[in-house]
């Protein structure tokens, strides 16, 4: 397949579409007994996917404080409980160990490394009189957790090896990446695409390309456009030929690769990557979603500067091209599933005072503007919010040089440093996180005022999960949050009416 298009028709073959329709038909038949909703949870590295799912389940099971979630606020949620997941071939989301890490150990759980799934069954009373007379309602909520980096692979299905190579090398030579990519570019300069294929040379070139991608993802740079996604989280495919290739510097027009050449080897492995890695993910997981939440760590990109923000904007634009938005209907749920609601959430809102949450939402709206326009044009409902699935800080007001400043209180993780002082994970501190600009556009201007807090080192501070209070009866309360209830109402509210 050639060219650089990313139309959905390039993602699937007729065979894939037939298999999808069969899977959807099977799901629809199962839903006749108890309806289900497949919610995809994704986001790029460090966005908080694992924490979001854990907090969502914990609050629903333990009756958390969810005043904006109408079904909960109205007392219509009667029970929520976990059940065995329906897909036997998909790893189960390790909810119990993640809760233990947050509640007992007060550490953040391990980040998402693979697709996993969890089924939560919600029992509720309908908001409508006649429906309520028929008995309690039930909804299976299937939570699908997967790395957002894998979405960056989906556009590769519409690109041949030459186009992929040209795009990747153009990024590597960009001003903000050239230094990081130099070792790879040096090896690339000495690589002859027409030379006989050689496994040692292929491994060396691929390893240098992966090292460059890892350097781009480091906190200092926080870049997001890093396909192929499995290169940084290979899993059980580590070391396989399908993950041992790299872009080559090819002329824009050239004859087909000669059999047995390095170029032929790289092209073959690139196509294997598309066939055995990307297509199964799209077909078996992504194309079967009903709704989607996209978590975005905006603050992490803000700390790294305008280039990281612009790169994040590009990456999110590529990710959103892969979605299948559209209005929900009975027929579409059988033939071609569509995502009818998409929520974009800026995570770690608790790192800012609530006075800045509107500005954080405005920045995220700017980052995903193209995706919002596309989804709404196709008929999907879209919302944007600032969110903290687990609130690690509290708000306060501190006096600094005679001025009252909005502050946050929290316990830094062990080893965190501020102004040369290292914290032990037990000491709570107050900090002024700085103000976000009123104009989001200023953040994308390389020579503009941008985001300049009084002390930039504080922006990288990470806090421990909160210590949970217990009731007089000794029951542990649910995990505190910021707007998790609003997210639940948008994503689930209509299905629990």
Protein backbone atom coordinates (compact mmCIF):
# COMPACT_ATOMS: atom_id res chain seq x y z
CA UNK A 1 0.00 0.00 0.00
CA UNK A 2 1.52 3.31 -0.95
CA UNK A 3 1.08 6.97 -0.21
CA UNK A 4 0.58 8.90 3.00
CA UNK A 5 -3.22 8.90 3.31
CA UNK A 6 -4.85 8.02 6.59
CA UNK A 7 -8.40 7.35 5.50
CA UNK A 8 -10.16 4.71 7.55
CA UNK A 9 -10.55 2.60 4.44
CA UNK A 10 -6.79 2.09 4.47
CA UNK A 11 -6.86 0.66 8.00
CA UNK A 12 -8.92 -2.40 7.23
CA UNK A 13 -9.37 -4.86 4.41
CA UNK A 14 -12.69 -6.35 3.36
CA UNK A 15 -11.78 -9.42 5.39
CA UNK A 16 -11.12 -7.27 8.45
CA UNK A 17 -14.45 -5.48 8.03
CA UNK A 18 -16.26 -8.82 7.74
CA UNK A 19 -14.61 -10.05 10.95
CA UNK A 20 -15.52 -6.79 12.69
CA UNK A 21 -19.14 -7.10 11.61
CA UNK A 22 -19.26 -10.69 12.93
CA UNK A 23 -17.73 -9.63 16.26
CA UNK A 24 -20.21 -6.76 16.53
CA UNK A 25 -23.11 -9.08 15.72
CA UNK A 26 -21.96 -11.44 18.48
CA UNK A 27 -21.72 -8.52 20.92
CA UNK A 28 -25.20 -7.32 19.93
CA UNK A 29 -26.69 -10.78 20.52
CA UNK A 30 -25.07 -10.92 23.97
CA UNK A 31 -26.35 -7.42 24.78
CA UNK A 32 -29.96 -8.59 24.41
CA UNK A 33 -29.70 -9.99 27.96
CA UNK A 34 -27.59 -7.23 29.55
CA UNK A 35 -26.39 -4.31 27.42
CA UNK A 36 -22.69 -3.50 27.43
CA UNK A 37 -20.65 -0.38 26.79
CA UNK A 38 -17.04 -0.65 25.65
CA UNK A 39 -15.12 2.37 26.93
CA UNK A 40 -11.62 2.91 25.59
CA UNK A 41 -9.17 4.63 27.94
CA UNK A 42 -6.06 5.98 26.29
CA UNK A 43 -3.45 8.71 26.46
CA UNK A 44 0.22 9.16 25.72
CA UNK A 45 2.90 8.23 28.25
CA UNK A 46 2.34 9.38 31.86
CA UNK A 47 -1.18 10.64 31.16
CA UNK A 48 -2.69 8.59 34.00
CA UNK A 49 -4.66 5.82 32.26
CA UNK A 50 -4.11 3.21 35.00
CA UNK A 51 -5.01 5.68 37.74
CA UNK A 52 -8.17 6.78 35.93
CA UNK A 53 -9.56 3.25 35.56
CA UNK A 54 -8.64 2.32 39.13
CA UNK A 55 -10.28 5.45 40.56
CA UNK A 56 -13.39 5.04 38.40
CA UNK A 57 -13.96 1.46 39.55
CA UNK A 58 -13.08 2.20 43.18
CA UNK A 59 -15.52 5.11 43.43
CA UNK A 60 -18.38 3.17 41.82
CA UNK A 61 -17.86 0.05 43.94
CA UNK A 62 -17.38 1.95 47.23
CA UNK A 63 -20.04 4.62 46.69
CA UNK A 64 -17.66 7.52 46.26
CA UNK A 65 -18.73 11.15 46.41
CA UNK A 66 -19.93 11.85 42.85
CA UNK A 67 -22.32 14.83 43.04
CA UNK A 68 -22.26 15.70 39.33
CA UNK A 69 -22.86 12.08 38.24
CA UNK A 70 -26.66 12.25 38.12
CA UNK A 71 -27.31 8.53 38.56
CA UNK A 72 -25.25 8.54 41.77
CA UNK A 73 -26.46 11.91 43.04
CA UNK A 74 -30.06 10.83 42.56
CA UNK A 75 -29.52 7.63 44.56
CA UNK A 76 -30.30 5.45 41.54
CA UNK A 77 -27.07 3.42 41.60
CA UNK A 78 -27.84 0.31 43.60
CA UNK A 79 -24.69 -1.75 43.10
CA UNK A 80 -21.47 -1.96 41.10
CA UNK A 81 -19.34 -5.10 41.08
CA UNK A 82 -16.57 -6.69 39.04
CA UNK A 83 -17.19 -9.71 36.86
CA UNK A 84 -14.95 -11.98 34.76
CA UNK A 85 -14.09 -10.19 31.55
CA UNK A 86 -15.65 -11.56 28.38
CA UNK A 87 -12.45 -11.71 26.27
CA UNK A 88 -10.44 -14.72 27.42
CA UNK A 89 -7.46 -13.83 25.21
CA UNK A 90 -7.00 -10.32 26.67
CA UNK A 91 -5.06 -9.73 29.94
CA UNK A 92 -7.19 -8.60 32.86
CA UNK A 93 -6.61 -5.09 34.19
CA UNK A 94 -4.94 -5.61 37.58
CA UNK A 95 -7.40 -3.53 39.55
CA UNK A 96 -6.73 -5.08 42.97
CA UNK A 97 -2.96 -4.54 42.87
CA UNK A 98 -3.39 -0.98 41.59
CA UNK A 99 -5.81 -0.15 44.41
CA UNK A 100 -3.38 -1.62 46.94
CA UNK A 101 -0.58 0.55 45.57
CA UNK A 102 -2.70 3.71 45.82
CA UNK A 103 -4.50 3.09 49.11
CA UNK A 104 -2.11 0.97 51.17
CA UNK A 105 1.34 1.94 49.88
CA UNK A 106 0.49 5.45 48.66
CA UNK A 107 2.50 4.98 45.48
CA UNK A 108 1.34 5.38 41.90
CA UNK A 109 0.71 2.09 40.08
CA UNK A 110 2.76 0.90 37.12
CA UNK A 111 1.87 2.56 33.83
CA UNK A 112 0.06 0.91 30.92
CA UNK A 113 2.30 -1.40 28.88
CA UNK A 114 -0.24 -3.50 26.98
CA UNK A 115 -3.92 -3.90 26.21
CA UNK A 116 -5.94 -4.99 29.22
CA UNK A 117 -9.63 -5.17 30.04
CA UNK A 118 -11.96 -5.12 33.02
CA UNK A 119 -15.74 -5.67 33.25
CA UNK A 120 -17.74 -3.73 35.82
CA UNK A 121 -21.46 -4.45 36.09
CA UNK A 122 -23.58 -1.51 37.23
CA UNK A 123 -27.07 -2.08 38.62
CA UNK A 124 -29.35 0.96 38.70
CA UNK A 125 -32.90 2.25 38.94
CA UNK A 126 -34.16 3.97 35.82
CA UNK A 127 -34.95 7.69 35.96
CA UNK A 128 -38.15 7.01 33.98
CA UNK A 129 -41.26 5.85 35.83
CA UNK A 130 -42.50 3.18 33.42
CA UNK A 131 -39.03 1.72 32.85
CA UNK A 132 -38.46 1.62 36.60
CA UNK A 133 -41.60 -0.49 37.03
CA UNK A 134 -40.00 -3.19 34.85
CA UNK A 135 -37.25 -3.74 37.42
CA UNK A 136 -33.64 -2.79 37.93
CA UNK A 137 -31.48 -1.99 34.98
CA UNK A 138 -28.04 -3.46 34.38
CA UNK A 139 -25.10 -2.30 32.30
CA UNK A 140 -21.83 -4.11 31.66
CA UNK A 141 -19.08 -1.49 31.48
CA UNK A 142 -16.08 -2.97 29.67
CA UNK A 143 -13.02 -0.81 30.30
CA UNK A 144 -10.35 -1.21 27.61
CA UNK A 145 -6.93 0.12 28.62
CA UNK A 146 -4.24 0.53 25.97
CA UNK A 147 -1.15 2.69 25.37
CA UNK A 148 -1.85 5.84 23.38
CA UNK A 149 1.47 5.39 21.59
CA UNK A 150 -0.08 2.43 19.79
CA UNK A 151 -2.60 4.79 18.18
CA UNK A 152 0.28 6.64 16.56
CA UNK A 153 0.91 3.43 14.62
CA UNK A 154 -2.50 3.38 12.94
CA UNK A 155 -1.63 6.03 10.30
CA UNK A 156 1.28 3.77 9.26
CA UNK A 157 -1.29 1.41 7.73
CA UNK A 158 -1.76 4.02 5.00
CA UNK A 159 1.96 4.54 4.36
CA UNK A 160 4.48 2.47 2.47
CA UNK A 161 8.04 2.11 3.74
CA UNK A 162 9.34 4.99 1.61
CA UNK A 163 6.74 7.41 3.02
CA UNK A 164 7.31 6.21 6.57
CA UNK A 165 11.07 6.67 6.15
CA UNK A 166 10.73 10.15 4.68
CA UNK A 167 8.42 11.31 7.50
CA UNK A 168 10.59 9.79 10.25
CA UNK A 169 13.86 11.21 8.89
CA UNK A 170 12.30 14.65 8.40
CA UNK A 171 11.33 14.64 12.09
CA UNK A 172 14.78 13.39 13.14
CA UNK A 173 16.46 16.25 11.28
CA UNK A 174 14.18 18.91 12.75
CA UNK A 175 15.90 21.56 14.84
CA UNK A 176 14.51 20.35 18.16
CA UNK A 177 15.48 16.71 17.48
CA UNK A 178 18.69 16.78 15.46
CA UNK A 179 21.02 16.59 18.46
CA UNK A 180 19.07 13.68 19.96
CA UNK A 181 18.98 11.88 16.62
CA UNK A 182 22.62 12.49 15.65
CA UNK A 183 23.95 9.00 16.55
CA UNK A 184 21.16 7.44 14.48
CA UNK A 185 21.68 9.91 11.63
CA UNK A 186 25.43 9.14 11.62
CA UNK A 187 24.77 5.40 11.24
CA UNK A 188 22.09 6.14 8.66
CA UNK A 189 24.53 8.20 6.57
CA UNK A 190 26.82 5.19 6.21
CA UNK A 191 24.01 2.73 5.45
CA UNK A 192 23.63 1.73 1.80
CA UNK A 193 20.02 0.67 1.12
CA UNK A 194 21.19 -1.35 -1.91
CA UNK A 195 23.88 -3.25 0.01
CA UNK A 196 23.28 -6.95 0.75
CA UNK A 197 21.05 -7.50 3.76
CA UNK A 198 22.97 -7.99 7.00
CA UNK A 199 21.38 -8.82 10.35
CA UNK A 200 24.09 -7.15 12.42
CA UNK A 201 23.76 -3.89 10.49
CA UNK A 202 19.96 -4.03 10.73
CA UNK A 203 20.11 -4.50 14.50
CA UNK A 204 22.61 -1.66 14.90
CA UNK A 205 20.51 0.76 12.86
CA UNK A 206 17.28 -0.25 14.58
CA UNK A 207 18.83 0.04 18.07
CA UNK A 208 20.12 3.56 17.35
CA UNK A 209 16.70 4.63 16.07
CA UNK A 210 15.01 3.27 19.23
CA UNK A 211 17.56 5.05 21.44
CA UNK A 212 16.73 8.30 19.67
CA UNK A 213 12.99 7.78 20.22
CA UNK A 214 13.57 7.07 23.92
CA UNK A 215 15.61 10.26 24.26
CA UNK A 216 12.77 12.25 22.68
CA UNK A 217 10.33 10.88 25.26
CA UNK A 218 12.52 11.82 28.26
CA UNK A 219 11.11 14.43 30.65
CA UNK A 220 13.49 17.15 29.46
CA UNK A 221 12.05 17.08 25.93
CA UNK A 222 8.63 15.41 26.44
CA UNK A 223 8.09 14.86 22.72
CA UNK A 224 5.11 12.80 21.62
CA UNK A 225 5.42 11.99 17.91
CA UNK A 226 7.33 8.72 18.35
CA UNK A 227 6.07 5.99 16.00
CA UNK A 228 6.43 3.05 15.74
CA UNK A 229 4.77 2.79 19.13
CA UNK A 230 5.95 -0.74 20.00
CA UNK A 231 9.59 0.27 19.68
CA UNK A 232 9.40 1.83 23.16
CA UNK A 233 7.17 -0.86 24.70
CA UNK A 234 7.83 -4.06 22.74
CA UNK A 235 6.46 -6.61 25.20
CA UNK A 236 6.81 -10.22 24.07
CA UNK A 237 7.80 -9.05 20.57
CA UNK A 238 11.12 -7.68 21.82
CA UNK A 239 13.93 -8.80 19.52
CA UNK A 240 11.63 -10.12 16.81
CA UNK A 241 12.35 -9.22 13.15
CA UNK A 242 9.04 -7.33 13.02
CA UNK A 243 10.51 -4.88 15.55
CA UNK A 244 14.02 -4.82 14.09
CA UNK A 245 13.87 -2.24 11.33
CA UNK A 246 14.50 1.49 10.92
CA UNK A 247 13.81 4.24 8.40
CA UNK A 248 16.25 4.45 5.48
CA UNK A 249 17.25 7.53 3.50
CA UNK A 250 15.66 6.76 0.13
CA UNK A 251 15.27 8.90 -2.99
CA UNK A 252 11.75 10.18 -3.62
CA UNK A 253 11.54 8.17 -6.82
CA UNK A 254 13.38 4.89 -7.23
CA UNK A 255 12.99 1.41 -8.66
CA UNK A 256 11.59 -1.32 -6.41
CA UNK A 257 13.99 -2.75 -3.84
CA UNK A 258 16.37 -5.38 -5.14
CA UNK A 259 15.81 -8.83 -3.62
CA UNK A 260 18.28 -9.58 -0.85
CA UNK A 261 19.16 -5.90 -0.23
CA UNK A 262 19.06 -4.03 3.08
CA UNK A 263 16.14 -1.97 1.78
CA UNK A 264 14.19 -5.11 0.89
CA UNK A 265 14.81 -6.47 4.40
CA UNK A 266 13.63 -3.26 6.06
CA UNK A 267 10.56 -3.02 3.83
CA UNK A 268 9.65 -6.63 4.54
CA UNK A 269 9.93 -6.14 8.30
CA UNK A 270 7.99 -2.87 8.18
CA UNK A 271 5.14 -4.63 6.37
CA UNK A 272 5.31 -7.47 8.91
CA UNK A 273 4.97 -4.89 11.68
CA UNK A 274 1.82 -3.55 10.03
CA UNK A 275 0.39 -7.02 9.46
CA UNK A 276 1.18 -8.69 12.79
CA UNK A 277 1.18 -5.75 15.21
CA UNK A 278 -0.93 -2.82 14.00
CA UNK A 279 -3.80 -4.52 12.17
CA UNK A 280 -4.72 -6.96 14.99
CA UNK A 281 -4.78 -4.11 17.51
CA UNK A 282 -7.06 -2.03 15.32
CA UNK A 283 -9.35 -4.91 14.39
CA UNK A 284 -9.59 -6.69 17.76
CA UNK A 285 -9.64 -3.74 20.14
CA UNK A 286 -9.78 -0.22 18.80
CA UNK A 287 -12.48 -0.68 16.13
CA UNK A 288 -14.86 -2.26 18.67
CA UNK A 289 -15.08 0.73 21.04
CA UNK A 290 -18.34 2.55 21.79
CA UNK A 291 -16.89 5.50 23.67
CA UNK A 292 -13.46 6.93 24.32
CA UNK A 293 -11.68 9.08 26.87
CA UNK A 294 -8.35 10.59 25.83
CA UNK A 295 -6.18 11.59 28.79
CA UNK A 296 -3.57 14.28 28.11
CA UNK A 297 -0.74 15.34 30.44
CA UNK A 298 -0.73 18.97 29.35
CA UNK A 299 1.38 20.14 32.29
CA UNK A 300 4.21 17.77 31.38
CA UNK A 301 4.41 19.29 27.90
CA UNK A 302 4.12 22.81 29.33
CA UNK A 303 7.22 22.23 31.42
CA UNK A 304 9.23 21.25 28.35
CA UNK A 305 8.25 24.34 26.35
CA UNK A 306 6.56 25.37 23.08
CA UNK A 307 8.24 22.69 20.94
CA UNK A 308 6.89 19.92 23.17
CA UNK A 309 3.41 21.46 23.05
CA UNK A 310 3.50 21.72 19.26
CA UNK A 311 4.71 18.12 19.02
CA UNK A 312 1.89 17.02 21.35
CA UNK A 313 -0.62 18.88 19.18
CA UNK A 314 0.67 17.04 16.10
CA UNK A 315 0.61 13.67 17.86
CA UNK A 316 -2.95 14.16 19.09
CA UNK A 317 -3.98 15.19 15.59
CA UNK A 318 -2.58 11.94 14.22
CA UNK A 319 -4.24 9.92 16.97
CA UNK A 320 -7.65 11.47 16.36
CA UNK A 321 -7.52 10.69 12.64
CA UNK A 322 -7.77 7.04 13.65
CA UNK A 323 -11.05 7.37 15.53
CA UNK A 324 -14.35 6.24 14.05
CA UNK A 325 -16.72 8.90 15.40
CA UNK A 326 -20.41 8.94 14.58
CA UNK A 327 -23.92 8.80 15.94
CA UNK A 328 -24.98 5.66 17.73
CA UNK A 329 -27.69 3.55 16.16
CA UNK A 330 -28.80 -0.06 16.46
CA UNK A 331 -27.73 -0.81 12.88
CA UNK A 332 -24.32 0.83 13.16
CA UNK A 333 -23.57 -1.09 16.36
CA UNK A 334 -23.89 -4.29 14.37
CA UNK A 335 -22.29 -3.38 11.05
CA UNK A 336 -19.63 -0.79 11.87
CA UNK A 337 -19.21 0.32 15.45
CA UNK A 338 -18.86 4.08 15.94
CA UNK A 339 -17.55 6.09 18.88
CA UNK A 340 -20.47 8.37 19.73
CA UNK A 341 -18.90 10.20 22.69
CA UNK A 342 -15.31 11.35 23.10
CA UNK A 343 -14.01 13.01 26.24
CA UNK A 344 -10.70 14.87 26.24
CA UNK A 345 -9.34 15.28 29.76
CA UNK A 346 -6.33 17.28 30.93
CA UNK A 347 -5.01 15.19 33.82
CA UNK A 348 -3.26 16.23 37.05
CA UNK A 349 -5.55 19.21 37.48
CA UNK A 350 -4.83 18.96 41.20
CA UNK A 351 -1.33 20.30 40.46
CA UNK A 352 -2.97 23.67 39.81
CA UNK A 353 -5.32 25.76 41.89
CA UNK A 354 -8.92 25.54 40.68
CA UNK A 355 -8.72 29.18 39.52
CA UNK A 356 -6.51 27.95 36.66
CA UNK A 357 -8.60 24.94 35.64
CA UNK A 358 -10.55 26.88 33.00
CA UNK A 359 -7.26 27.93 31.42
CA UNK A 360 -6.00 24.36 31.47
CA UNK A 361 -9.16 23.29 29.63
CA UNK A 362 -8.65 26.10 27.10
CA UNK A 363 -5.12 24.86 26.36
CA UNK A 364 -6.36 21.30 25.84
CA UNK A 365 -9.15 22.57 23.58
CA UNK A 366 -6.51 24.25 21.44
CA UNK A 367 -4.44 21.04 21.32
CA UNK A 368 -7.34 18.86 20.10
CA UNK A 369 -9.24 21.46 18.05
CA UNK A 370 -8.95 19.53 14.78
CA UNK A 371 -10.11 16.29 16.39
CA UNK A 372 -13.08 18.00 18.02
CA UNK A 373 -14.17 19.52 14.71
CA UNK A 374 -13.87 16.16 12.93
CA UNK A 375 -15.78 14.23 15.61
CA UNK A 376 -18.59 16.76 15.83
CA UNK A 377 -18.92 16.86 12.04
CA UNK A 378 -19.40 13.08 12.09
CA UNK A 379 -22.12 13.39 14.74
CA UNK A 380 -20.25 12.43 17.92
CA UNK A 381 -20.65 14.33 21.19
CA UNK A 382 -17.41 15.83 22.52
CA UNK A 383 -16.43 17.37 25.85
CA UNK A 384 -13.22 18.79 27.33
CA UNK A 385 -12.40 19.04 31.03
CA UNK A 386 -9.61 19.38 33.57
CA UNK A 387 -9.45 16.22 35.67
CA UNK A 388 -7.61 14.52 38.49
CA UNK A 389 -8.83 10.92 38.81
CA UNK A 390 -7.03 10.77 42.17
CA UNK A 391 -6.54 14.06 43.94
CA UNK A 392 -3.10 14.16 45.56
CA UNK A 393 -3.23 17.75 46.86
CA UNK A 394 -5.49 20.15 48.76
CA UNK A 395 -6.04 23.83 48.16
CA UNK A 396 -5.01 26.63 50.49
CA UNK A 397 -4.05 30.29 50.54
CA UNK A 398 -0.55 31.37 51.53
CA UNK A 399 0.90 34.80 52.23
CA UNK A 400 3.99 35.71 50.21
CA UNK A 401 5.59 39.15 50.45
CA UNK A 402 2.36 40.60 51.75
CA UNK A 403 0.28 39.07 48.97
CA UNK A 404 -2.30 36.28 49.36
CA UNK A 405 -1.60 33.56 46.81
CA UNK A 406 -3.66 30.47 45.92
CA UNK A 407 -1.58 27.42 46.82
CA UNK A 408 -1.75 23.64 46.87
CA UNK A 409 -0.72 21.36 49.73
CA UNK A 410 0.72 17.91 49.12
CA UNK A 411 3.38 15.37 50.06
CA UNK A 412 6.16 15.12 47.47
CA UNK A 413 7.29 11.65 46.45
CA UNK A 414 10.49 10.41 48.11
CA UNK A 415 13.54 11.85 46.36
CA UNK A 416 11.79 14.89 44.88
CA UNK A 417 13.84 18.07 45.12
CA UNK A 418 12.95 21.76 45.35
CA UNK A 419 15.57 24.47 45.65
CA UNK A 420 18.18 21.91 46.64
CA UNK A 421 16.03 20.31 49.34
CA UNK A 422 15.22 16.63 48.96
CA UNK A 423 11.98 15.30 50.40
CA UNK A 424 11.48 12.01 52.23
CA UNK A 425 7.92 11.22 51.13
CA UNK A 426 6.51 12.15 54.56
CA UNK A 427 6.69 15.94 54.64
CA UNK A 428 3.75 17.97 53.36
CA UNK A 429 4.55 21.27 51.69
CA UNK A 430 2.66 24.27 50.33
CA UNK A 431 3.52 25.61 46.89
CA UNK A 432 2.30 28.24 44.48
CA UNK A 433 2.16 26.46 41.10
CA UNK A 434 2.10 29.62 38.99
CA UNK A 435 -0.55 31.01 36.69
CA UNK A 436 -1.38 29.71 33.23
CA UNK A 437 -1.68 32.41 30.57
CA UNK A 438 -5.13 33.65 29.64
CA UNK A 439 -4.31 33.22 25.96
CA UNK A 440 -3.45 29.58 25.12
CA UNK A 441 -1.86 30.67 21.84
CA UNK A 442 1.01 32.33 23.72
CA UNK A 443 2.24 28.92 24.85
CA UNK A 444 2.83 27.80 21.27
CA UNK A 445 4.98 30.79 20.37
CA UNK A 446 8.63 29.83 20.60
CA UNK A 447 9.74 33.42 21.28
CA UNK A 448 6.60 34.49 23.12
CA UNK A 449 6.03 34.93 26.85
CA UNK A 450 4.83 31.34 27.23
CA UNK A 451 4.45 29.76 30.63
CA UNK A 452 6.95 31.18 33.09
CA UNK A 453 6.10 30.38 36.71
CA UNK A 454 8.09 32.03 39.46
CA UNK A 455 9.99 28.83 40.13
CA UNK A 456 9.99 26.37 37.23
CA UNK A 457 11.51 23.56 39.30
CA UNK A 458 8.24 23.28 41.23
CA UNK A 459 6.42 22.32 38.05
CA UNK A 460 8.19 18.97 37.97
CA UNK A 461 7.29 18.10 41.54
CA UNK A 462 5.39 14.83 41.90
CA UNK A 463 3.13 14.15 44.87
CA UNK A 464 2.26 10.96 46.71
CA UNK A 465 -1.30 9.65 46.53
CA UNK A 466 -3.42 10.93 49.44
CA UNK A 467 -3.85 9.21 52.77
CA UNK A 468 -7.46 8.02 52.88
CA UNK A 469 -9.60 8.78 55.91
CA UNK A 470 -11.69 6.10 57.59
CA UNK A 471 -15.18 6.30 59.01
CA UNK A 472 -16.08 5.73 62.66
CA UNK A 473 -16.91 2.15 61.66
CA UNK A 474 -13.40 1.68 60.28
CA UNK A 475 -14.38 1.76 56.59
CA UNK A 476 -11.88 3.32 54.21
CA UNK A 477 -13.37 6.14 52.15
CA UNK A 478 -13.14 6.21 48.36
CA UNK A 479 -10.34 7.91 46.47
CA UNK A 480 -10.78 11.71 46.23
CA UNK A 481 -10.85 13.25 42.78
CA UNK A 482 -11.39 16.37 40.69
CA UNK A 483 -14.31 16.10 38.22
CA UNK A 484 -14.28 12.33 37.91
CA UNK A 485 -18.04 12.58 38.47
CA UNK A 486 -18.41 14.95 35.53
CA UNK A 487 -16.45 12.54 33.34
CA UNK A 488 -18.68 9.63 34.43
CA UNK A 489 -21.84 11.57 33.72
CA UNK A 490 -20.72 12.41 30.18
CA UNK A 491 -19.46 8.93 29.39
CA UNK A 492 -22.15 6.82 31.09
CA UNK A 493 -25.03 9.05 32.19
CA UNK A 494 -27.33 8.52 29.23
CA UNK A 495 -26.96 4.74 29.47
CA UNK A 496 -28.09 4.80 33.11
CA UNK A 497 -31.12 7.04 32.58
